[in-house]
């Protein structure tokens, strides 16, 4: 660990030591983490500090040092932290040096890359990270956590969903973080929610806010390859890109016998379960195994593009769709076109553009077509690199 701001003589450094106990906030008031250092240890120190709640992680790749439920975790003790990347920071579930090479989960050694537990409010922000490498690893050990301190009033409900959903990010209980400018890619889960799994358990006092983010090439056995909003949960998704995500890669082992979930056409990059609330604004879904399946009521989809979500590779036997929405009354100002634009026929054709025009995406999925000037995803501006490089 770097210990103090400025360039101190080597003798002073040797005398002072550089263990975790000597970590201090930098001159800018932020805690700083560098490659080779322990993000969780610094998060815990920041959580205990009543004044310094900003943690900056500097450019590099950060891997788990041991098998665990998560690479990093935040619960009510960590509420109010801003965890921010400086430069390109990769958080990965993979550590090939420690993983079992014979296991199907190789090289992952954590269930979730990032875990948000009960007691997290919208004051808690995760910003600027790349999240990757989850691959169906599962441990139920609390070592070195626990990631979720005992909450008798919550329980863990469906243990399979708690431990196995949300390879990239798991959000559990009364947890409403803000996720900004993240890229979630290359994660695999069994059964659901390879990118993000939201499990509010009916506690909908607030919502998870996800903005200016990319979900790419995530794969799951059943539902919600990019984002899975489990029953009675809530999310707002703004200016996000969903591309090349693949659901239904394996058998549905979680539904009751004879009641496979969306058995004919499969699920989408975004799955919304009954009783859940979502608002999707200025997003783009393209090239996924289906766009969105939503069994909620009066959820809002506005100024978004659903274009050719016709990726192959899943097990559902019938054709692909853009939107499979029970209640499409609040789908407005969207462009929807693919093999089947509106699977259930619930969308108002007078309030949306069904069947075209081609958005003419550029290499970053900006639509260049004049008719798409006010809809769909736009890449977020690059974040400025944090200027203070020393503690």
Protein backbone atom coordinates (compact mmCIF):
# COMPACT_ATOMS: atom_id res chain seq x y z
CA UNK A 1 0.00 0.00 0.00
CA UNK A 2 1.11 3.59 -0.61
CA UNK A 3 1.10 5.27 2.75
CA UNK A 4 1.26 9.08 2.82
CA UNK A 5 1.08 11.97 0.37
CA UNK A 6 4.27 13.31 -1.09
CA UNK A 7 7.65 11.67 -1.63
CA UNK A 8 8.95 10.53 1.74
CA UNK A 9 12.49 9.34 2.32
CA UNK A 10 12.96 5.60 2.10
CA UNK A 11 14.10 5.45 5.74
CA UNK A 12 10.86 7.06 6.93
CA UNK A 13 8.83 4.65 4.81
CA UNK A 14 10.65 1.68 6.28
CA UNK A 15 10.13 2.94 9.82
CA UNK A 16 6.48 3.82 9.29
CA UNK A 17 5.57 0.66 7.41
CA UNK A 18 3.10 0.35 4.55
CA UNK A 19 0.43 -1.99 5.89
CA UNK A 20 -3.27 -1.43 5.48
CA UNK A 21 -3.39 0.25 8.90
CA UNK A 22 -1.29 3.15 7.56
CA UNK A 23 -3.58 3.96 4.64
CA UNK A 24 -4.74 7.58 4.75
CA UNK A 25 -6.98 9.73 2.55
CA UNK A 26 -4.96 11.74 0.04
CA UNK A 27 -4.65 15.53 -0.13
CA UNK A 28 -7.80 15.57 -2.25
CA UNK A 29 -9.75 13.92 0.58
CA UNK A 30 -10.16 10.64 -1.33
CA UNK A 31 -8.85 7.19 -0.52
CA UNK A 32 -6.70 5.80 -3.36
CA UNK A 33 -6.23 2.19 -4.43
CA UNK A 34 -3.52 1.05 -6.85
CA UNK A 35 -2.91 -2.27 -8.67
CA UNK A 36 -1.84 -4.96 -6.23
CA UNK A 37 -3.75 -3.37 -3.36
CA UNK A 38 -6.96 -4.56 -1.69
CA UNK A 39 -10.04 -2.56 -2.72
CA UNK A 40 -12.21 -4.15 -0.02
CA UNK A 41 -9.81 -3.18 2.76
CA UNK A 42 -9.93 0.44 1.64
CA UNK A 43 -13.73 0.36 1.30
CA UNK A 44 -13.95 -0.84 4.89
CA UNK A 45 -11.63 1.94 6.07
CA UNK A 46 -13.63 4.55 4.17
CA UNK A 47 -16.88 3.17 5.61
CA UNK A 48 -15.53 3.72 9.12
CA UNK A 49 -14.37 7.28 8.35
CA UNK A 50 -17.13 9.81 9.09
CA UNK A 51 -15.75 12.43 6.65
CA UNK A 52 -13.88 10.79 3.77
CA UNK A 53 -16.31 8.75 1.64
CA UNK A 54 -14.64 8.91 -1.79
CA UNK A 55 -12.60 5.88 -2.97
CA UNK A 56 -10.62 6.17 -6.21
CA UNK A 57 -9.33 2.98 -7.86
CA UNK A 58 -6.49 3.58 -10.29
CA UNK A 59 -5.98 2.06 -13.72
CA UNK A 60 -5.33 -1.67 -13.84
CA UNK A 61 -6.95 -5.08 -13.42
CA UNK A 62 -8.08 -6.20 -9.97
CA UNK A 63 -8.60 -9.92 -9.31
CA UNK A 64 -9.86 -11.87 -6.29
CA UNK A 65 -7.10 -13.14 -4.02
CA UNK A 66 -9.18 -16.09 -2.77
CA UNK A 67 -12.46 -17.87 -3.53
CA UNK A 68 -15.30 -15.79 -2.09
CA UNK A 69 -18.86 -14.69 -2.68
CA UNK A 70 -17.68 -11.39 -4.21
CA UNK A 71 -14.58 -9.51 -5.27
CA UNK A 72 -15.93 -6.41 -3.48
CA UNK A 73 -19.04 -5.92 -1.40
CA UNK A 74 -20.98 -3.02 0.05
CA UNK A 75 -23.83 -3.19 2.57
CA UNK A 76 -25.35 -0.75 5.08
CA UNK A 77 -21.98 -0.12 6.76
CA UNK A 78 -20.70 1.19 3.40
CA UNK A 79 -23.68 3.39 2.57
CA UNK A 80 -22.77 6.80 1.17
CA UNK A 81 -19.50 5.78 -0.50
CA UNK A 82 -18.52 6.96 -3.97
CA UNK A 83 -16.38 4.23 -5.57
CA UNK A 84 -14.86 5.61 -8.74
CA UNK A 85 -12.44 4.40 -11.41
CA UNK A 86 -9.53 6.56 -12.56
CA UNK A 87 -8.56 5.47 -16.06
CA UNK A 88 -9.55 2.01 -17.30
CA UNK A 89 -10.15 -0.14 -14.24
CA UNK A 90 -11.17 -3.77 -14.73
CA UNK A 91 -12.83 -5.67 -11.90
CA UNK A 92 -12.85 -9.37 -12.73
CA UNK A 93 -14.13 -12.56 -11.13
CA UNK A 94 -11.30 -14.49 -12.75
CA UNK A 95 -8.00 -15.58 -11.28
CA UNK A 96 -6.57 -18.41 -13.41
CA UNK A 97 -3.67 -18.88 -11.01
CA UNK A 98 -6.04 -19.92 -8.21
CA UNK A 99 -9.03 -21.39 -10.05
CA UNK A 100 -9.62 -25.10 -10.58
CA UNK A 101 -8.76 -25.72 -14.22
CA UNK A 102 -11.06 -28.75 -14.31
CA UNK A 103 -14.12 -26.82 -13.13
CA UNK A 104 -16.75 -25.51 -15.54
CA UNK A 105 -16.45 -22.18 -13.73
CA UNK A 106 -12.74 -21.74 -14.58
CA UNK A 107 -11.18 -19.16 -14.26
CA UNK A 108 -13.75 -17.48 -11.96
CA UNK A 109 -13.37 -17.79 -8.18
CA UNK A 110 -16.16 -15.48 -6.92
CA UNK A 111 -19.95 -15.65 -7.29
CA UNK A 112 -20.33 -11.93 -8.03
CA UNK A 113 -17.81 -9.31 -9.06
CA UNK A 114 -19.64 -6.57 -7.11
CA UNK A 115 -22.25 -7.14 -4.41
CA UNK A 116 -24.60 -4.45 -3.05
CA UNK A 117 -26.42 -5.62 0.06
CA UNK A 118 -29.20 -4.44 2.30
CA UNK A 119 -29.10 -0.85 3.54
CA UNK A 120 -27.54 0.80 0.49
CA UNK A 121 -29.20 4.09 -0.50
CA UNK A 122 -28.90 6.23 -3.62
CA UNK A 123 -26.04 8.05 -1.88
CA UNK A 124 -23.85 5.06 -2.82
CA UNK A 125 -22.33 5.32 -6.29
CA UNK A 126 -20.28 2.95 -8.45
CA UNK A 127 -18.77 4.83 -11.38
CA UNK A 128 -16.56 4.10 -14.35
CA UNK A 129 -15.59 0.42 -13.94
CA UNK A 130 -15.39 -2.49 -16.36
CA UNK A 131 -16.96 -5.58 -14.74
CA UNK A 132 -16.22 -8.98 -16.24
CA UNK A 133 -15.15 -12.60 -15.77
CA UNK A 134 -18.06 -14.16 -13.87
CA UNK A 135 -18.53 -17.78 -14.92
CA UNK A 136 -21.03 -19.69 -12.75
CA UNK A 137 -18.71 -20.07 -9.76
CA UNK A 138 -20.53 -20.70 -6.49
CA UNK A 139 -19.47 -20.72 -2.87
CA UNK A 140 -21.74 -20.31 0.15
CA UNK A 141 -18.88 -19.69 2.55
CA UNK A 142 -18.87 -16.36 4.41
CA UNK A 143 -15.08 -16.27 4.37
CA UNK A 144 -13.72 -13.58 4.15
CA UNK A 145 -17.06 -11.71 4.39
CA UNK A 146 -19.82 -12.05 5.21
CA UNK A 147 -20.92 -10.00 2.23
CA UNK A 148 -24.39 -9.78 3.80
CA UNK A 149 -24.47 -9.48 7.61
CA UNK A 150 -27.36 -11.28 9.23
CA UNK A 151 -30.72 -9.67 8.43
CA UNK A 152 -33.40 -11.86 10.07
CA UNK A 153 -36.16 -9.68 8.60
CA UNK A 154 -34.93 -10.46 5.07
CA UNK A 155 -33.67 -14.00 5.11
CA UNK A 156 -31.97 -15.02 1.89
CA UNK A 157 -35.20 -16.04 0.21
CA UNK A 158 -34.35 -18.18 -2.79
CA UNK A 159 -30.78 -19.21 -2.03
CA UNK A 160 -30.11 -20.18 -5.62
CA UNK A 161 -30.89 -16.65 -6.80
CA UNK A 162 -28.92 -15.10 -3.94
CA UNK A 163 -25.73 -17.02 -4.60
CA UNK A 164 -25.90 -17.69 -8.35
CA UNK A 165 -27.67 -14.79 -10.06
CA UNK A 166 -25.82 -11.57 -10.80
CA UNK A 167 -22.41 -12.68 -12.00
CA UNK A 168 -21.33 -9.11 -12.70
CA UNK A 169 -23.37 -7.27 -10.05
CA UNK A 170 -25.78 -8.59 -7.43
CA UNK A 171 -28.17 -6.13 -5.71
CA UNK A 172 -30.08 -7.59 -2.75
CA UNK A 173 -32.67 -6.44 -0.25
CA UNK A 174 -33.24 -2.76 0.51
CA UNK A 175 -30.46 -1.71 -1.82
CA UNK A 176 -30.71 1.22 -4.25
CA UNK A 177 -27.23 2.14 -5.53
CA UNK A 178 -26.46 4.32 -8.53
CA UNK A 179 -24.39 2.64 -11.23
CA UNK A 180 -22.86 5.11 -13.68
CA UNK A 181 -20.65 4.72 -16.76
CA UNK A 182 -19.92 1.05 -16.18
CA UNK A 183 -19.26 -1.59 -18.82
CA UNK A 184 -20.52 -5.06 -17.95
CA UNK A 185 -19.28 -7.65 -20.43
CA UNK A 186 -18.26 -11.26 -20.79
CA UNK A 187 -20.12 -12.59 -17.73
CA UNK A 188 -21.90 -15.95 -17.57
CA UNK A 189 -24.46 -17.06 -14.96
CA UNK A 190 -26.61 -20.06 -14.16
CA UNK A 191 -29.48 -19.55 -13.86
CA UNK A 192 -30.11 -15.81 -14.44
CA UNK A 193 -28.85 -12.24 -14.59
CA UNK A 194 -25.34 -12.61 -15.94
CA UNK A 195 -24.76 -8.85 -15.95
CA UNK A 196 -26.88 -7.53 -13.07
CA UNK A 197 -29.45 -9.25 -10.85
CA UNK A 198 -31.78 -7.04 -8.79
CA UNK A 199 -33.57 -8.81 -5.93
CA UNK A 200 -35.46 -6.30 -3.80
CA UNK A 201 -37.75 -8.87 -2.16
CA UNK A 202 -40.69 -6.45 -2.38
CA UNK A 203 -38.84 -3.52 -0.78
CA UNK A 204 -39.51 -0.82 -3.39
CA UNK A 205 -39.02 2.32 -1.31
CA UNK A 206 -36.55 3.46 -3.95
CA UNK A 207 -35.03 2.18 -7.18
CA UNK A 208 -31.68 1.14 -8.62
CA UNK A 209 -30.46 3.76 -11.10
CA UNK A 210 -28.26 2.62 -13.98
CA UNK A 211 -27.05 5.21 -16.46
CA UNK A 212 -24.60 5.80 -19.33
CA UNK A 213 -23.54 2.15 -19.30
CA UNK A 214 -22.83 -0.74 -21.69
CA UNK A 215 -23.97 -4.36 -21.40
CA UNK A 216 -22.19 -6.55 -23.92
CA UNK A 217 -21.80 -10.28 -24.54
CA UNK A 218 -23.25 -11.56 -21.26
CA UNK A 219 -24.74 -15.07 -21.23
CA UNK A 220 -27.17 -16.84 -18.89
CA UNK A 221 -28.95 -20.18 -18.78
CA UNK A 222 -32.43 -18.72 -18.33
CA UNK A 223 -33.58 -15.08 -17.96
CA UNK A 224 -32.15 -11.57 -18.16
CA UNK A 225 -28.78 -12.03 -19.82
CA UNK A 226 -27.82 -8.38 -19.19
CA UNK A 227 -30.22 -7.34 -16.39
CA UNK A 228 -32.65 -9.52 -14.44
CA UNK A 229 -35.24 -7.64 -12.35
CA UNK A 230 -36.59 -10.30 -10.02
CA UNK A 231 -40.19 -10.17 -8.66
CA UNK A 232 -41.18 -6.97 -6.83
CA UNK A 233 -37.96 -5.10 -7.60
CA UNK A 234 -37.33 -1.71 -9.23
CA UNK A 235 -34.88 -0.14 -11.70
CA UNK A 236 -34.42 3.01 -13.78
CA UNK A 237 -32.20 2.46 -16.82
CA UNK A 238 -31.08 5.55 -18.74
CA UNK A 239 -28.83 5.92 -21.79
CA UNK A 240 -27.55 2.35 -21.81
CA UNK A 241 -26.46 0.05 -24.65
CA UNK A 242 -27.40 -3.63 -24.76
CA UNK A 243 -25.62 -5.62 -27.48
CA UNK A 244 -24.85 -9.31 -28.12
CA UNK A 245 -26.33 -10.59 -24.84
CA UNK A 246 -27.61 -14.17 -24.91
CA UNK A 247 -30.27 -15.75 -22.66
CA UNK A 248 -31.65 -19.32 -22.60
CA UNK A 249 -28.31 -21.06 -23.13
CA UNK A 250 -29.28 -23.94 -20.81
CA UNK A 251 -32.27 -25.79 -19.48
CA UNK A 252 -34.67 -23.94 -17.17
CA UNK A 253 -34.00 -25.65 -13.85
CA UNK A 254 -35.72 -23.07 -11.63
CA UNK A 255 -39.31 -22.97 -12.89
CA UNK A 256 -41.89 -25.46 -11.59
CA UNK A 257 -42.10 -28.70 -13.61
CA UNK A 258 -44.10 -28.18 -16.77
CA UNK A 259 -44.02 -24.38 -16.42
CA UNK A 260 -40.84 -23.27 -18.13
CA UNK A 261 -40.43 -19.48 -18.17
CA UNK A 262 -41.03 -18.05 -21.65
CA UNK A 263 -40.58 -21.53 -23.05
CA UNK A 264 -41.53 -20.78 -26.66
CA UNK A 265 -39.58 -17.63 -27.49
CA UNK A 266 -37.18 -17.31 -24.58
CA UNK A 267 -36.20 -14.26 -22.54
CA UNK A 268 -34.40 -11.07 -23.40
CA UNK A 269 -31.34 -9.02 -22.59
CA UNK A 270 -33.61 -7.39 -19.98
CA UNK A 271 -36.12 -9.51 -18.05
CA UNK A 272 -38.71 -7.88 -15.78
CA UNK A 273 -40.68 -10.21 -13.50
CA UNK A 274 -44.25 -9.74 -12.20
CA UNK A 275 -44.64 -6.98 -9.64
CA UNK A 276 -41.48 -5.20 -10.74
CA UNK A 277 -41.18 -1.59 -11.88
CA UNK A 278 -38.82 -0.36 -14.57
CA UNK A 279 -38.29 2.82 -16.52
CA UNK A 280 -36.11 2.54 -19.64
CA UNK A 281 -35.17 5.83 -21.30
CA UNK A 282 -32.93 6.58 -24.33
CA UNK A 283 -31.48 3.06 -24.48
CA UNK A 284 -30.49 0.89 -27.44
CA UNK A 285 -31.03 -2.87 -27.68
CA UNK A 286 -29.52 -4.54 -30.76
CA UNK A 287 -28.06 -7.90 -31.70
CA UNK A 288 -29.29 -9.63 -28.52
CA UNK A 289 -31.15 -12.92 -28.13
CA UNK A 290 -34.44 -10.97 -27.86
CA UNK A 291 -34.80 -7.44 -26.54
CA UNK A 292 -37.03 -7.19 -23.44
CA UNK A 293 -39.53 -9.51 -21.77
CA UNK A 294 -41.63 -7.72 -19.17
CA UNK A 295 -44.44 -9.17 -17.05
CA UNK A 296 -44.88 -6.02 -14.97
CA UNK A 297 -47.66 -3.43 -15.18
CA UNK A 298 -47.46 -0.04 -16.95
CA UNK A 299 -43.67 0.06 -17.08
CA UNK A 300 -42.21 2.90 -19.11
CA UNK A 301 -40.09 2.54 -22.26
CA UNK A 302 -39.36 5.89 -23.84
CA UNK A 303 -37.18 7.21 -26.70
CA UNK A 304 -35.40 3.88 -27.06
CA UNK A 305 -34.30 1.73 -30.02
CA UNK A 306 -35.06 -1.98 -30.30
CA UNK A 307 -33.41 -3.06 -33.52
CA UNK A 308 -32.83 -6.57 -34.89
CA UNK A 309 -32.49 -8.47 -31.64
CA UNK A 310 -32.20 -11.68 -33.62
CA UNK A 311 -29.07 -13.30 -32.20
CA UNK A 312 -29.06 -17.09 -32.36
CA UNK A 313 -27.68 -19.57 -29.85
CA UNK A 314 -30.39 -20.04 -27.23
CA UNK A 315 -32.61 -23.07 -26.71
CA UNK A 316 -36.12 -21.58 -27.09
CA UNK A 317 -37.62 -23.15 -30.24
CA UNK A 318 -39.61 -20.29 -31.73
CA UNK A 319 -38.57 -16.96 -33.24
CA UNK A 320 -36.95 -13.84 -31.85
CA UNK A 321 -38.70 -10.66 -30.74
CA UNK A 322 -37.94 -7.07 -29.83
CA UNK A 323 -40.52 -6.57 -27.08
CA UNK A 324 -42.59 -9.13 -25.18
CA UNK A 325 -44.56 -6.86 -22.85
CA UNK A 326 -47.82 -7.71 -21.11
CA UNK A 327 -48.75 -4.05 -20.68
CA UNK A 328 -47.34 -1.88 -23.47
CA UNK A 329 -49.44 1.21 -22.66
CA UNK A 330 -46.39 3.27 -21.67
CA UNK A 331 -44.11 2.36 -24.58
CA UNK A 332 -43.67 5.73 -26.31
CA UNK A 333 -41.44 7.34 -28.92
CA UNK A 334 -39.52 4.13 -29.53
CA UNK A 335 -38.18 2.57 -32.74
CA UNK A 336 -39.00 -1.15 -32.81
CA UNK A 337 -38.02 -3.47 -35.67
CA UNK A 338 -36.94 -7.10 -36.03
CA UNK A 339 -38.30 -10.56 -36.82
CA UNK A 340 -41.20 -9.83 -34.46
CA UNK A 341 -41.43 -6.27 -33.18
CA UNK A 342 -44.28 -6.63 -30.68
CA UNK A 343 -44.77 -10.25 -29.65
CA UNK A 344 -48.04 -9.70 -27.73
CA UNK A 345 -49.47 -6.83 -29.76
CA UNK A 346 -49.68 -4.52 -26.76
CA UNK A 347 -47.75 -1.50 -28.13
CA UNK A 348 -49.52 1.58 -29.52
CA UNK A 349 -48.41 1.88 -33.15
CA UNK A 350 -49.44 5.55 -33.19
CA UNK A 351 -46.97 6.44 -30.44
CA UNK A 352 -44.00 4.43 -31.76
CA UNK A 353 -42.15 3.72 -35.01
CA UNK A 354 -42.68 0.06 -35.82
CA UNK A 355 -40.58 -1.57 -38.54
CA UNK A 356 -38.05 1.16 -39.30
CA UNK A 357 -36.19 3.20 -40.35
CA UNK A 358 -32.70 1.66 -40.11
CA UNK A 359 -30.88 3.57 -37.32
CA UNK A 360 -27.59 3.35 -39.27
CA UNK A 361 -25.43 2.75 -36.21
CA UNK A 362 -21.82 3.88 -36.22
CA UNK A 363 -19.03 1.85 -34.55
CA UNK A 364 -20.12 3.09 -31.11
CA UNK A 365 -23.82 2.47 -31.81
CA UNK A 366 -24.78 6.08 -32.26
CA UNK A 367 -27.74 6.16 -34.66
CA UNK A 368 -26.91 8.31 -37.67
CA UNK A 369 -30.35 8.23 -39.29
CA UNK A 370 -32.05 11.67 -39.09
CA UNK A 371 -35.24 10.09 -37.74
CA UNK A 372 -33.27 8.79 -34.74
CA UNK A 373 -31.70 12.09 -33.73
CA UNK A 374 -33.61 12.24 -30.44
CA UNK A 375 -33.73 8.57 -29.43
CA UNK A 376 -31.39 5.78 -28.38
CA UNK A 377 -28.06 5.45 -26.61
CA UNK A 378 -25.18 7.90 -26.93
CA UNK A 379 -21.68 7.14 -25.54
CA UNK A 380 -20.97 9.03 -22.35
CA UNK A 381 -18.15 11.54 -22.35
CA UNK A 382 -14.86 10.27 -21.00
CA UNK A 383 -14.38 10.81 -17.30
CA UNK A 384 -11.47 13.03 -16.34
CA UNK A 385 -8.60 11.16 -14.70
CA UNK A 386 -8.27 11.99 -11.04
CA UNK A 387 -5.44 14.49 -10.63
CA UNK A 388 -4.20 13.49 -7.20
CA UNK A 389 -2.06 10.39 -7.72
CA UNK A 390 -0.61 10.13 -4.21
CA UNK A 391 -1.90 9.75 -0.70
